[in-house]
Each structure stands twice: as C-alpha cells, then as structure tokens.
Amino acid sequence: MTGNFELVESSSQSNLDLFLTVKNFSKKQGIAFDDDPLIAKSLSNQISLDVKVSYKKPNFYSYSKSVTASSPSIKLGENVKASNDKAFLEIAENFSRQIRFFLINDISISQNE
C-alpha cells in the first residue's frame, strides 16, 4: 500500500479498518499568575488515543500507535462553564494530522520493508 486511502460507505468494501480508542481524558488547571485572572482560570484539556489499523486484503497486517493532543480552554466567570468547543476542535484537528501522518508515513514504510 502506498499511502493513498479512499473512504468507502461500508467496512465490507474497505481494505483496512481504523479503530480509535480513547485511553485518557483529563482537565488540568492552567498556569496561574496573580496579576492575570484569565490565565488563572484556564484549563488544559488533554486526550490520549490508541490508534489501530488492520489491513484485511491481501494479507492481514495490524499496526497500532498511541497519540496525545491537548488544547487550552478558558473559564469566563465563576458561574460560567468553560468553553470547550474551540479546544476540542483544535484537539480533533491535531489528531487528524497525527493519524494521517501515521497512515501515510509509518504504515507505508512498514509495508515496503
């Protein structure tokens, strides 16, 4: 396989399966400075995934890798929930880049060895 992938409508049409498993999700308080209340109320969102790729045709191959992404979010006030939309969008984009790199580079190299 050369690293070119095509999305299909059903797993029966695919040459490989991609499984994503959330291994860890954490929110940690950001760095606090006495003179900066925004940073004092920041949170660091971190998610870890296990990525597994299984080839079905012509031979069965399986590859796996752990990836982690994080992004900050800011709690705007005492009674306001932290806005996570942008943080999770950034995390999703980061995972997308890491998984594409894994599929195109790591797996293609392994297949050619």
PDB file of N, CA and C in Angstrom:
ATOM      1  N   MET A   1       0.849  -1.177   0.000  1.00  0.00           N
ATOM      2  CA  MET A   1       0.000   0.000   0.000  1.00  0.00           C
ATOM      3  C   MET A   1       0.890   1.233   0.000  1.00  0.00           C
ATOM      4  N   THR A   2       0.525   2.238  -0.758  1.00  0.00           N
ATOM      5  CA  THR A   2       1.396   3.383  -0.976  1.00  0.00           C
ATOM      6  C   THR A   2       1.095   4.581  -0.100  1.00  0.00           C
ATOM      7  N   GLY A   3       0.035   4.549   0.657  1.00  0.00           N
ATOM      8  CA  GLY A   3      -0.318   5.702   1.469  1.00  0.00           C
ATOM      9  C   GLY A   3      -1.480   6.474   0.892  1.00  0.00           C
ATOM     10  N   ASN A   4      -2.073   5.991  -0.204  1.00  0.00           N
ATOM     11  CA  ASN A   4      -3.274   6.603  -0.752  1.00  0.00           C
ATOM     12  C   ASN A   4      -4.474   5.834  -0.228  1.00  0.00           C
ATOM     13  N   PHE A   5      -5.407   6.531   0.389  1.00  0.00           N
ATOM     14  CA  PHE A   5      -6.542   5.873   1.001  1.00  0.00           C
ATOM     15  C   PHE A   5      -7.823   6.458   0.452  1.00  0.00           C
ATOM     16  N   GLU A   6      -8.841   5.617   0.340  1.00  0.00           N
ATOM     17  CA  GLU A   6     -10.142   6.036  -0.147  1.00  0.00           C
ATOM     18  C   GLU A   6     -11.193   5.678   0.886  1.00  0.00           C
ATOM     19  N   LEU A   7     -12.053   6.628   1.226  1.00  0.00           N
ATOM     20  CA  LEU A   7     -13.142   6.358   2.154  1.00  0.00           C
ATOM     21  C   LEU A   7     -14.261   5.642   1.413  1.00  0.00           C
ATOM     22  N   VAL A   8     -14.842   4.637   2.048  1.00  0.00           N
ATOM     23  CA  VAL A   8     -15.935   3.873   1.444  1.00  0.00           C
ATOM     24  C   VAL A   8     -17.135   3.892   2.376  1.00  0.00           C
ATOM     25  N   GLU A   9     -18.277   3.432   1.863  1.00  0.00           N
ATOM     26  CA  GLU A   9     -19.509   3.504   2.632  1.00  0.00           C
ATOM     27  C   GLU A   9     -19.668   2.405   3.670  1.00  0.00           C
ATOM     28  N   SER A  10     -19.052   1.249   3.455  1.00  0.00           N
ATOM     29  CA  SER A  10     -19.206   0.159   4.417  1.00  0.00           C
ATOM     30  C   SER A  10     -17.878  -0.558   4.616  1.00  0.00           C
ATOM     31  N   SER A  11     -17.735  -1.192   5.768  1.00  0.00           N
ATOM     32  CA  SER A  11     -16.484  -1.880   6.067  1.00  0.00           C
ATOM     33  C   SER A  11     -16.251  -3.070   5.142  1.00  0.00           C
ATOM     34  N   SER A  12     -17.302  -3.619   4.554  1.00  0.00           N
ATOM     35  CA  SER A  12     -17.124  -4.743   3.638  1.00  0.00           C
ATOM     36  C   SER A  12     -16.414  -4.322   2.348  1.00  0.00           C
ATOM     37  N   GLN A  13     -16.456  -3.031   2.022  1.00  0.00           N
ATOM     38  CA  GLN A  13     -15.781  -2.520   0.824  1.00  0.00           C
ATOM     39  C   GLN A  13     -14.352  -2.066   1.103  1.00  0.00           C
ATOM     40  N   SER A  14     -13.948  -2.062   2.349  1.00  0.00           N
ATOM     41  CA  SER A  14     -12.661  -1.465   2.703  1.00  0.00           C
ATOM     42  C   SER A  14     -11.528  -2.481   2.691  1.00  0.00           C
ATOM     43  N   ASN A  15     -10.322  -1.961   2.510  1.00  0.00           N
ATOM     44  CA  ASN A  15      -9.105  -2.770   2.599  1.00  0.00           C
ATOM     45  C   ASN A  15      -8.516  -2.733   3.998  1.00  0.00           C
ATOM     46  N   LEU A  16      -8.935  -1.769   4.792  1.00  0.00           N
ATOM     47  CA  LEU A  16      -8.418  -1.661   6.150  1.00  0.00           C
ATOM     48  C   LEU A  16      -9.478  -1.106   7.067  1.00  0.00           C
ATOM     49  N   ASP A  17      -9.299  -1.397   8.339  1.00  0.00           N
ATOM     50  CA  ASP A  17     -10.164  -0.850   9.384  1.00  0.00           C
ATOM     51  C   ASP A  17      -9.323   0.029  10.283  1.00  0.00           C
ATOM     52  N   LEU A  18      -9.878   1.158  10.690  1.00  0.00           N
ATOM     53  CA  LEU A  18      -9.214   2.092  11.590  1.00  0.00           C
ATOM     54  C   LEU A  18     -10.043   2.160  12.866  1.00  0.00           C
ATOM     55  N   PHE A  19      -9.414   1.824  13.989  1.00  0.00           N
ATOM     56  CA  PHE A  19     -10.088   1.848  15.287  1.00  0.00           C
ATOM     57  C   PHE A  19      -9.426   2.903  16.168  1.00  0.00           C
ATOM     58  N   LEU A  20     -10.247   3.773  16.767  1.00  0.00           N
ATOM     59  CA  LEU A  20      -9.764   4.793  17.694  1.00  0.00           C
ATOM     60  C   LEU A  20     -10.379   4.515  19.060  1.00  0.00           C
ATOM     61  N   THR A  21      -9.529   4.400  20.076  1.00  0.00           N
ATOM     62  CA  THR A  21      -9.992   4.144  21.433  1.00  0.00           C
ATOM     63  C   THR A  21      -9.466   5.239  22.350  1.00  0.00           C
ATOM     64  N   VAL A  22     -10.370   5.929  23.022  1.00  0.00           N
ATOM     65  CA  VAL A  22      -9.961   6.961  23.980  1.00  0.00           C
ATOM     66  C   VAL A  22      -9.402   6.261  25.204  1.00  0.00           C
ATOM     67  N   LYS A  23      -8.137   6.536  25.507  1.00  0.00           N
ATOM     68  CA  LYS A  23      -7.481   5.909  26.652  1.00  0.00           C
ATOM     69  C   LYS A  23      -7.491   6.811  27.878  1.00  0.00           C
ATOM     70  N   ASN A  24      -7.451   8.111  27.669  1.00  0.00           N
ATOM     71  CA  ASN A  24      -7.383   9.023  28.808  1.00  0.00           C
ATOM     72  C   ASN A  24      -7.930  10.382  28.397  1.00  0.00           C
ATOM     73  N   PHE A  25      -8.682  10.996  29.288  1.00  0.00           N
ATOM     74  CA  PHE A  25      -9.136  12.374  29.110  1.00  0.00           C
ATOM     75  C   PHE A  25      -8.947  13.081  30.431  1.00  0.00           C
ATOM     76  N   SER A  26      -8.244  14.203  30.394  1.00  0.00           N
ATOM     77  CA  SER A  26      -8.024  14.929  31.645  1.00  0.00           C
ATOM     78  C   SER A  26      -8.132  16.433  31.416  1.00  0.00           C
ATOM     79  N   LYS A  27      -8.530  17.110  32.475  1.00  0.00           N
ATOM     80  CA  LYS A  27      -8.550  18.570  32.507  1.00  0.00           C
ATOM     81  C   LYS A  27      -7.693  18.975  33.686  1.00  0.00           C
ATOM     82  N   LYS A  28      -6.698  19.790  33.398  1.00  0.00           N
ATOM     83  CA  LYS A  28      -5.828  20.271  34.465  1.00  0.00           C
ATOM     84  C   LYS A  28      -5.886  21.780  34.493  1.00  0.00           C
ATOM     85  N   GLN A  29      -5.762  22.324  35.687  1.00  0.00           N
ATOM     86  CA  GLN A  29      -5.773  23.773  35.822  1.00  0.00           C
ATOM     87  C   GLN A  29      -4.532  24.352  35.160  1.00  0.00           C
ATOM     88  N   GLY A  30      -4.738  25.454  34.439  1.00  0.00           N
ATOM     89  CA  GLY A  30      -3.629  26.112  33.754  1.00  0.00           C
ATOM     90  C   GLY A  30      -2.712  26.827  34.720  1.00  0.00           C
ATOM     91  N   ILE A  31      -1.699  27.423  34.176  1.00  0.00           N
ATOM     92  CA  ILE A  31      -0.730  28.173  34.979  1.00  0.00           C
ATOM     93  C   ILE A  31      -1.409  29.419  35.529  1.00  0.00           C
ATOM     94  N   ALA A  32      -1.240  29.669  36.796  1.00  0.00           N
ATOM     95  CA  ALA A  32      -1.892  30.807  37.436  1.00  0.00           C
ATOM     96  C   ALA A  32      -0.882  31.901  37.760  1.00  0.00           C
ATOM     97  N   PHE A  33      -1.212  33.112  37.310  1.00  0.00           N
ATOM     98  CA  PHE A  33      -0.430  34.296  37.665  1.00  0.00           C
ATOM     99  C   PHE A  33      -1.332  35.208  38.486  1.00  0.00           C
ATOM    100  N   ASP A  34      -0.798  35.774  39.540  1.00  0.00           N
ATOM    101  CA  ASP A  34      -1.610  36.626  40.410  1.00  0.00           C
ATOM    102  C   ASP A  34      -2.207  37.817  39.679  1.00  0.00           C
ATOM    103  N   ASP A  35      -1.487  38.369  38.706  1.00  0.00           N
ATOM    104  CA  ASP A  35      -1.966  39.581  38.039  1.00  0.00           C
ATOM    105  C   ASP A  35      -2.734  39.289  36.749  1.00  0.00           C
ATOM    106  N   ASP A  36      -3.026  38.041  36.443  1.00  0.00           N
ATOM    107  CA  ASP A  36      -3.729  37.701  35.211  1.00  0.00           C
ATOM    108  C   ASP A  36      -4.856  36.712  35.504  1.00  0.00           C
ATOM    109  N   PRO A  37      -6.066  37.215  35.754  1.00  0.00           N
ATOM    110  CA  PRO A  37      -7.170  36.331  36.128  1.00  0.00           C
ATOM    111  C   PRO A  37      -7.622  35.393  35.009  1.00  0.00           C
ATOM    112  N   LEU A  38      -7.409  35.743  33.742  1.00  0.00           N
ATOM    113  CA  LEU A  38      -7.803  34.855  32.649  1.00  0.00           C
ATOM    114  C   LEU A  38      -6.962  33.584  32.633  1.00  0.00           C
ATOM    115  N   ILE A  39      -5.657  33.748  32.742  1.00  0.00           N
ATOM    116  CA  ILE A  39      -4.784  32.576  32.743  1.00  0.00           C
ATOM    117  C   ILE A  39      -5.024  31.763  33.999  1.00  0.00           C
ATOM    118  N   ALA A  40      -5.325  32.440  35.094  1.00  0.00           N
ATOM    119  CA  ALA A  40      -5.584  31.726  36.346  1.00  0.00           C
ATOM    120  C   ALA A  40      -6.802  30.825  36.214  1.00  0.00           C
ATOM    121  N   LYS A  41      -7.715  31.141  35.320  1.00  0.00           N
ATOM    122  CA  LYS A  41      -8.924  30.346  35.139  1.00  0.00           C
ATOM    123  C   LYS A  41      -8.849  29.451  33.901  1.00  0.00           C
ATOM    124  N   SER A  42      -7.673  29.278  33.345  1.00  0.00           N
ATOM    125  CA  SER A  42      -7.566  28.436  32.161  1.00  0.00           C
ATOM    126  C   SER A  42      -7.476  26.962  32.547  1.00  0.00           C
ATOM    127  N   LEU A  43      -7.903  26.118  31.625  1.00  0.00           N
ATOM    128  CA  LEU A  43      -7.828  24.672  31.791  1.00  0.00           C
ATOM    129  C   LEU A  43      -7.053  24.099  30.619  1.00  0.00           C
ATOM    130  N   SER A  44      -6.321  23.051  30.875  1.00  0.00           N
ATOM    131  CA  SER A  44      -5.639  22.335  29.807  1.00  0.00           C
ATOM    132  C   SER A  44      -6.362  21.009  29.610  1.00  0.00           C
ATOM    133  N   ASN A  45      -6.986  20.837  28.428  1.00  0.00           N
ATOM    134  CA  ASN A  45      -7.693  19.612  28.087  1.00  0.00           C
ATOM    135  C   ASN A  45      -6.726  18.690  27.356  1.00  0.00           C
ATOM    136  N   GLN A  46      -6.601  17.463  27.806  1.00  0.00           N
ATOM    137  CA  GLN A  46      -5.687  16.521  27.169  1.00  0.00           C
ATOM    138  C   GLN A  46      -6.399  15.189  26.946  1.00  0.00           C
ATOM    139  N   ILE A  47      -6.265  14.662  25.730  1.00  0.00           N
ATOM    140  CA  ILE A  47      -6.876  13.387  25.371  1.00  0.00           C
ATOM    141  C   ILE A  47      -5.803  12.488  24.766  1.00  0.00           C
ATOM    142  N   SER A  48      -5.810  11.218  25.163  1.00  0.00           N
ATOM    143  CA  SER A  48      -4.904  10.221  24.591  1.00  0.00           C
ATOM    144  C   SER A  48      -5.733   9.151  23.887  1.00  0.00           C
ATOM    145  N   LEU A  49      -5.306   8.781  22.687  1.00  0.00           N
ATOM    146  CA  LEU A  49      -5.989   7.766  21.894  1.00  0.00           C
ATOM    147  C   LEU A  49      -5.041   6.624  21.573  1.00  0.00           C
ATOM    148  N   ASP A  50      -5.590   5.431  21.442  1.00  0.00           N
ATOM    149  CA  ASP A  50      -4.886   4.327  20.813  1.00  0.00           C
ATOM    150  C   ASP A  50      -5.451   4.216  19.408  1.00  0.00           C
ATOM    151  N   VAL A  51      -4.574   4.225  18.421  1.00  0.00           N
ATOM    152  CA  VAL A  51      -4.966   4.115  17.021  1.00  0.00           C
ATOM    153  C   VAL A  51      -4.523   2.745  16.535  1.00  0.00           C
ATOM    154  N   LYS A  52      -5.452   1.997  15.979  1.00  0.00           N
ATOM    155  CA  LYS A  52      -5.115   0.671  15.449  1.00  0.00           C
ATOM    156  C   LYS A  52      -5.612   0.590  14.009  1.00  0.00           C
ATOM    157  N   VAL A  53      -4.734   0.142  13.122  1.00  0.00           N
ATOM    158  CA  VAL A  53      -5.077  -0.059  11.726  1.00  0.00           C
ATOM    159  C   VAL A  53      -4.901  -1.531  11.416  1.00  0.00           C
ATOM    160  N   SER A  54      -5.935  -2.135  10.860  1.00  0.00           N
ATOM    161  CA  SER A  54      -5.872  -3.537  10.461  1.00  0.00           C
ATOM    162  C   SER A  54      -6.150  -3.644   8.971  1.00  0.00           C
ATOM    163  N   TYR A  55      -5.190  -4.227   8.236  1.00  0.00           N
ATOM    164  CA  TYR A  55      -5.377  -4.495   6.812  1.00  0.00           C
ATOM    165  C   TYR A  55      -6.101  -5.816   6.654  1.00  0.00           C
ATOM    166  N   LYS A  56      -7.085  -5.867   5.750  1.00  0.00           N
ATOM    167  CA  LYS A  56      -7.835  -7.096   5.530  1.00  0.00           C
ATOM    168  C   LYS A  56      -7.390  -7.822   4.261  1.00  0.00           C
ATOM    169  N   LYS A  57      -6.912  -7.075   3.270  1.00  0.00           N
ATOM    170  CA  LYS A  57      -6.567  -7.663   1.980  1.00  0.00           C
ATOM    171  C   LYS A  57      -5.193  -7.186   1.574  1.00  0.00           C
ATOM    172  N   PRO A  58      -4.335  -7.892   0.928  1.00  0.00           N
ATOM    173  CA  PRO A  58      -4.418  -9.323   0.649  1.00  0.00           C
ATOM    174  C   PRO A  58      -3.991 -10.164   1.847  1.00  0.00           C
ATOM    175  N   ASN A  59      -3.172  -9.611   2.724  1.00  0.00           N
ATOM    176  CA  ASN A  59      -2.774 -10.303   3.952  1.00  0.00           C
ATOM    177  C   ASN A  59      -3.202  -9.467   5.148  1.00  0.00           C
ATOM    178  N   PHE A  60      -3.333 -10.117   6.275  1.00  0.00           N
ATOM    179  CA  PHE A  60      -3.733  -9.395   7.480  1.00  0.00           C
ATOM    180  C   PHE A  60      -2.503  -8.777   8.137  1.00  0.00           C
ATOM    181  N   TYR A  61      -2.512  -7.456   8.257  1.00  0.00           N
ATOM    182  CA  TYR A  61      -1.476  -6.723   8.979  1.00  0.00           C
ATOM    183  C   TYR A  61      -2.170  -5.856  10.000  1.00  0.00           C
ATOM    184  N   SER A  62      -1.532  -5.647  11.116  1.00  0.00           N
ATOM    185  CA  SER A  62      -2.097  -4.789  12.144  1.00  0.00           C
ATOM    186  C   SER A  62      -1.004  -3.884  12.692  1.00  0.00           C
ATOM    187  N   TYR A  63      -1.301  -2.611  12.784  1.00  0.00           N
ATOM    188  CA  TYR A  63      -0.369  -1.621  13.318  1.00  0.00           C
ATOM    189  C   TYR A  63      -1.103  -0.803  14.368  1.00  0.00           C
ATOM    190  N   SER A  64      -0.385  -0.381  15.395  1.00  0.00           N
ATOM    191  CA  SER A  64      -1.018   0.461  16.410  1.00  0.00           C
ATOM    192  C   SER A  64      -0.033   1.514  16.900  1.00  0.00           C
ATOM    193  N   LYS A  65      -0.609   2.567  17.423  1.00  0.00           N
ATOM    194  CA  LYS A  65       0.189   3.690  17.915  1.00  0.00           C
ATOM    195  C   LYS A  65      -0.662   4.465  18.910  1.00  0.00           C
ATOM    196  N   SER A  66      -0.035   5.038  19.916  1.00  0.00           N
ATOM    197  CA  SER A  66      -0.729   5.924  20.852  1.00  0.00           C
ATOM    198  C   SER A  66      -0.428   7.366  20.470  1.00  0.00           C
ATOM    199  N   VAL A  67      -1.448   8.202  20.496  1.00  0.00           N
ATOM    200  CA  VAL A  67      -1.282   9.624  20.182  1.00  0.00           C
ATOM    201  C   VAL A  67      -1.952  10.448  21.273  1.00  0.00           C
ATOM    202  N   THR A  68      -1.425  11.639  21.498  1.00  0.00           N
ATOM    203  CA  THR A  68      -1.952  12.543  22.519  1.00  0.00           C
ATOM    204  C   THR A  68      -2.064  13.942  21.930  1.00  0.00           C
ATOM    205  N   ALA A  69      -3.121  14.643  22.296  1.00  0.00           N
ATOM    206  CA  ALA A  69      -3.289  16.033  21.880  1.00  0.00           C
ATOM    207  C   ALA A  69      -3.879  16.811  23.049  1.00  0.00           C
ATOM    208  N   SER A  70      -3.559  18.093  23.099  1.00  0.00           N
ATOM    209  CA  SER A  70      -4.101  18.939  24.156  1.00  0.00           C
ATOM    210  C   SER A  70      -4.365  20.339  23.626  1.00  0.00           C
ATOM    211  N   SER A  71      -5.224  21.049  24.331  1.00  0.00           N
ATOM    212  CA  SER A  71      -5.562  22.418  23.964  1.00  0.00           C
ATOM    213  C   SER A  71      -6.155  23.113  25.186  1.00  0.00           C
ATOM    214  N   PRO A  72      -5.868  24.403  25.342  1.00  0.00           N
ATOM    215  CA  PRO A  72      -6.408  25.122  26.497  1.00  0.00           C
ATOM    216  C   PRO A  72      -7.832  25.629  26.256  1.00  0.00           C
ATOM    217  N   SER A  73      -8.569  25.791  27.326  1.00  0.00           N
ATOM    218  CA  SER A  73      -9.853  26.481  27.284  1.00  0.00           C
ATOM    219  C   SER A  73      -9.890  27.421  28.483  1.00  0.00           C
ATOM    220  N   ILE A  74     -10.727  28.437  28.398  1.00  0.00           N
ATOM    221  CA  ILE A  74     -10.762  29.454  29.450  1.00  0.00           C
ATOM    222  C   ILE A  74     -12.150  29.505  30.069  1.00  0.00           C
ATOM    223  N   LYS A  75     -12.195  29.470  31.381  1.00  0.00           N
ATOM    224  CA  LYS A  75     -13.448  29.652  32.122  1.00  0.00           C
ATOM    225  C   LYS A  75     -13.677  31.156  32.257  1.00  0.00           C
ATOM    226  N   LEU A  76     -14.787  31.630  31.702  1.00  0.00           N
ATOM    227  CA  LEU A  76     -15.017  33.069  31.603  1.00  0.00           C
ATOM    228  C   LEU A  76     -15.517  33.714  32.886  1.00  0.00           C
ATOM    229  N   GLY A  77     -16.027  32.963  33.799  1.00  0.00           N
ATOM    230  CA  GLY A  77     -16.514  33.525  35.056  1.00  0.00           C
ATOM    231  C   GLY A  77     -16.798  32.417  36.053  1.00  0.00           C
ATOM    232  N   GLU A  78     -17.094  32.796  37.270  1.00  0.00           N
ATOM    233  CA  GLU A  78     -17.305  31.825  38.334  1.00  0.00           C
ATOM    234  C   GLU A  78     -18.498  30.918  38.043  1.00  0.00           C
ATOM    235  N   ASN A  79     -19.566  31.482  37.457  1.00  0.00           N
ATOM    236  CA  ASN A  79     -20.780  30.706  37.214  1.00  0.00           C
ATOM    237  C   ASN A  79     -20.924  30.279  35.757  1.00  0.00           C
ATOM    238  N   VAL A  80     -19.857  30.394  34.997  1.00  0.00           N
ATOM    239  CA  VAL A  80     -19.906  30.059  33.570  1.00  0.00           C
ATOM    240  C   VAL A  80     -19.038  28.828  33.313  1.00  0.00           C
ATOM    241  N   LYS A  81     -19.614  27.887  32.601  1.00  0.00           N
ATOM    242  CA  LYS A  81     -18.877  26.673  32.243  1.00  0.00           C
ATOM    243  C   LYS A  81     -17.777  27.042  31.240  1.00  0.00           C
ATOM    244  N   ALA A  82     -16.643  26.381  31.337  1.00  0.00           N
ATOM    245  CA  ALA A  82     -15.540  26.648  30.409  1.00  0.00           C
ATOM    246  C   ALA A  82     -15.977  26.340  28.983  1.00  0.00           C
ATOM    247  N   SER A  83     -15.598  27.194  28.052  1.00  0.00           N
ATOM    248  CA  SER A  83     -15.920  26.993  26.643  1.00  0.00           C
ATOM    249  C   SER A  83     -14.922  26.009  26.042  1.00  0.00           C
ATOM    250  N   ASN A  84     -15.412  24.810  25.713  1.00  0.00           N
ATOM    251  CA  ASN A  84     -14.542  23.757  25.210  1.00  0.00           C
ATOM    252  C   ASN A  84     -14.625  23.559  23.702  1.00  0.00           C
ATOM    253  N   ASP A  85     -15.560  24.245  23.030  1.00  0.00           N
ATOM    254  CA  ASP A  85     -15.770  23.993  21.606  1.00  0.00           C
ATOM    255  C   ASP A  85     -14.488  24.175  20.793  1.00  0.00           C
ATOM    256  N   LYS A  86     -13.846  25.318  20.936  1.00  0.00           N
ATOM    257  CA  LYS A  86     -12.623  25.574  20.170  1.00  0.00           C
ATOM    258  C   LYS A  86     -11.495  24.646  20.605  1.00  0.00           C
ATOM    259  N   ALA A  87     -11.424  24.358  21.890  1.00  0.00           N
ATOM    260  CA  ALA A  87     -10.373  23.472  22.392  1.00  0.00           C
ATOM    261  C   ALA A  87     -10.511  22.079  21.783  1.00  0.00           C
ATOM    262  N   PHE A  88     -11.728  21.541  21.751  1.00  0.00           N
ATOM    263  CA  PHE A  88     -11.914  20.198  21.217  1.00  0.00           C
ATOM    264  C   PHE A  88     -11.794  20.170  19.696  1.00  0.00           C
ATOM    265  N   LEU A  89     -12.150  21.252  19.021  1.00  0.00           N
ATOM    266  CA  LEU A  89     -11.929  21.337  17.579  1.00  0.00           C
ATOM    267  C   LEU A  89     -10.430  21.307  17.285  1.00  0.00           C
ATOM    268  N   GLU A  90      -9.643  22.036  18.064  1.00  0.00           N
ATOM    269  CA  GLU A  90      -8.193  22.031  17.900  1.00  0.00           C
ATOM    270  C   GLU A  90      -7.609  20.641  18.176  1.00  0.00           C
ATOM    271  N   ILE A  91      -8.111  19.967  19.197  1.00  0.00           N
ATOM    272  CA  ILE A  91      -7.656  18.610  19.507  1.00  0.00           C
ATOM    273  C   ILE A  91      -8.000  17.667  18.355  1.00  0.00           C
ATOM    274  N   ALA A  92      -9.213  17.770  17.815  1.00  0.00           N
ATOM    275  CA  ALA A  92      -9.625  16.910  16.694  1.00  0.00           C
ATOM    276  C   ALA A  92      -8.735  17.143  15.470  1.00  0.00           C
ATOM    277  N   GLU A  93      -8.428  18.403  15.173  1.00  0.00           N
ATOM    278  CA  GLU A  93      -7.542  18.708  14.037  1.00  0.00           C
ATOM    279  C   GLU A  93      -6.143  18.146  14.271  1.00  0.00           C
ATOM    280  N   ASN A  94      -5.658  18.236  15.503  1.00  0.00           N
ATOM    281  CA  ASN A  94      -4.348  17.692  15.842  1.00  0.00           C
ATOM    282  C   ASN A  94      -4.342  16.173  15.657  1.00  0.00           C
ATOM    283  N   PHE A  95      -5.391  15.493  16.140  1.00  0.00           N
ATOM    284  CA  PHE A  95      -5.480  14.043  15.953  1.00  0.00           C
ATOM    285  C   PHE A  95      -5.537  13.687  14.474  1.00  0.00           C
ATOM    286  N   SER A  96      -6.284  14.454  13.712  1.00  0.00           N
ATOM    287  CA  SER A  96      -6.387  14.197  12.278  1.00  0.00           C
ATOM    288  C   SER A  96      -5.012  14.243  11.613  1.00  0.00           C
ATOM    289  N   ARG A  97      -4.211  15.243  11.948  1.00  0.00           N
ATOM    290  CA  ARG A  97      -2.847  15.346  11.387  1.00  0.00           C
ATOM    291  C   ARG A  97      -1.989  14.158  11.814  1.00  0.00           C
ATOM    292  N   GLN A  98      -2.041  13.815  13.100  1.00  0.00           N
ATOM    293  CA  GLN A  98      -1.221  12.709  13.599  1.00  0.00           C
ATOM    294  C   GLN A  98      -1.617  11.374  12.962  1.00  0.00           C
ATOM    295  N   ILE A  99      -2.907  11.139  12.805  1.00  0.00           N
ATOM    296  CA  ILE A  99      -3.383   9.883  12.225  1.00  0.00           C
ATOM    297  C   ILE A  99      -3.044   9.820  10.740  1.00  0.00           C
ATOM    298  N   ARG A 100      -3.205  10.929  10.012  1.00  0.00           N
ATOM    299  CA  ARG A 100      -2.804  10.957   8.589  1.00  0.00           C
ATOM    300  C   ARG A 100      -1.327  10.665   8.447  1.00  0.00           C
ATOM    301  N   PHE A 101      -0.501  11.277   9.291  1.00  0.00           N
ATOM    302  CA  PHE A 101       0.938  11.029   9.244  1.00  0.00           C
ATOM    303  C   PHE A 101       1.227   9.553   9.503  1.00  0.00           C
ATOM    304  N   PHE A 102       0.558   8.977  10.479  1.00  0.00           N
ATOM    305  CA  PHE A 102       0.722   7.561  10.811  1.00  0.00           C
ATOM    306  C   PHE A 102       0.345   6.683   9.617  1.00  0.00           C
ATOM    307  N   LEU A 103      -0.797   6.958   8.989  1.00  0.00           N
ATOM    308  CA  LEU A 103      -1.248   6.158   7.854  1.00  0.00           C
ATOM    309  C   LEU A 103      -0.318   6.291   6.651  1.00  0.00           C
ATOM    310  N   ILE A 104       0.045   7.507   6.335  1.00  0.00           N
ATOM    311  CA  ILE A 104       0.815   7.747   5.118  1.00  0.00           C
ATOM    312  C   ILE A 104       2.285   7.399   5.281  1.00  0.00           C
ATOM    313  N   ASN A 105       2.883   7.750   6.389  1.00  0.00           N
ATOM    314  CA  ASN A 105       4.324   7.541   6.542  1.00  0.00           C
ATOM    315  C   ASN A 105       4.682   6.248   7.256  1.00  0.00           C
ATOM    316  N   ASP A 106       4.226   6.069   8.480  1.00  0.00           N
ATOM    317  CA  ASP A 106       4.640   4.914   9.281  1.00  0.00           C
ATOM    318  C   ASP A 106       4.199   3.594   8.656  1.00  0.00           C
ATOM    319  N   ILE A 107       2.944   3.505   8.244  1.00  0.00           N
ATOM    320  CA  ILE A 107       2.435   2.242   7.708  1.00  0.00           C
ATOM    321  C   ILE A 107       2.981   1.982   6.322  1.00  0.00           C
ATOM    322  N   SER A 108       3.069   3.000   5.473  1.00  0.00           N
ATOM    323  CA  SER A 108       3.606   2.808   4.120  1.00  0.00           C
ATOM    324  C   SER A 108       5.035   2.336   4.175  1.00  0.00           C
ATOM    325  N   ILE A 109       5.837   2.888   5.076  1.00  0.00           N
ATOM    326  CA  ILE A 109       7.242   2.476   5.223  1.00  0.00           C
ATOM    327  C   ILE A 109       7.311   1.026   5.676  1.00  0.00           C
ATOM    328  N   SER A 110       6.456   0.652   6.648  1.00  0.00           N
ATOM    329  CA  SER A 110       6.450  -0.725   7.147  1.00  0.00           C
ATOM    330  C   SER A 110       6.060  -1.714   6.046  1.00  0.00           C
ATOM    331  N   GLN A 111       5.127  -1.340   5.191  1.00  0.00           N
ATOM    332  CA  GLN A 111       4.670  -2.211   4.121  1.00  0.00           C
ATOM    333  C   GLN A 111       5.770  -2.441   3.083  1.00  0.00           C
ATOM    334  N   ASN A 112       6.651  -1.440   2.896  1.00  0.00           N
ATOM    335  CA  ASN A 112       7.702  -1.542   1.877  1.00  0.00           C
ATOM    336  C   ASN A 112       8.944  -2.265   2.388  1.00  0.00           C
ATOM    337  N   GLU A 113       9.040  -2.514   3.674  1.00  0.00           N
ATOM    338  CA  GLU A 113      10.224  -3.172   4.234  1.00  0.00           C
ATOM    339  C   GLU A 113      10.193  -4.659   3.987  1.00  0.00           C
TER     340      GLU A 113
END
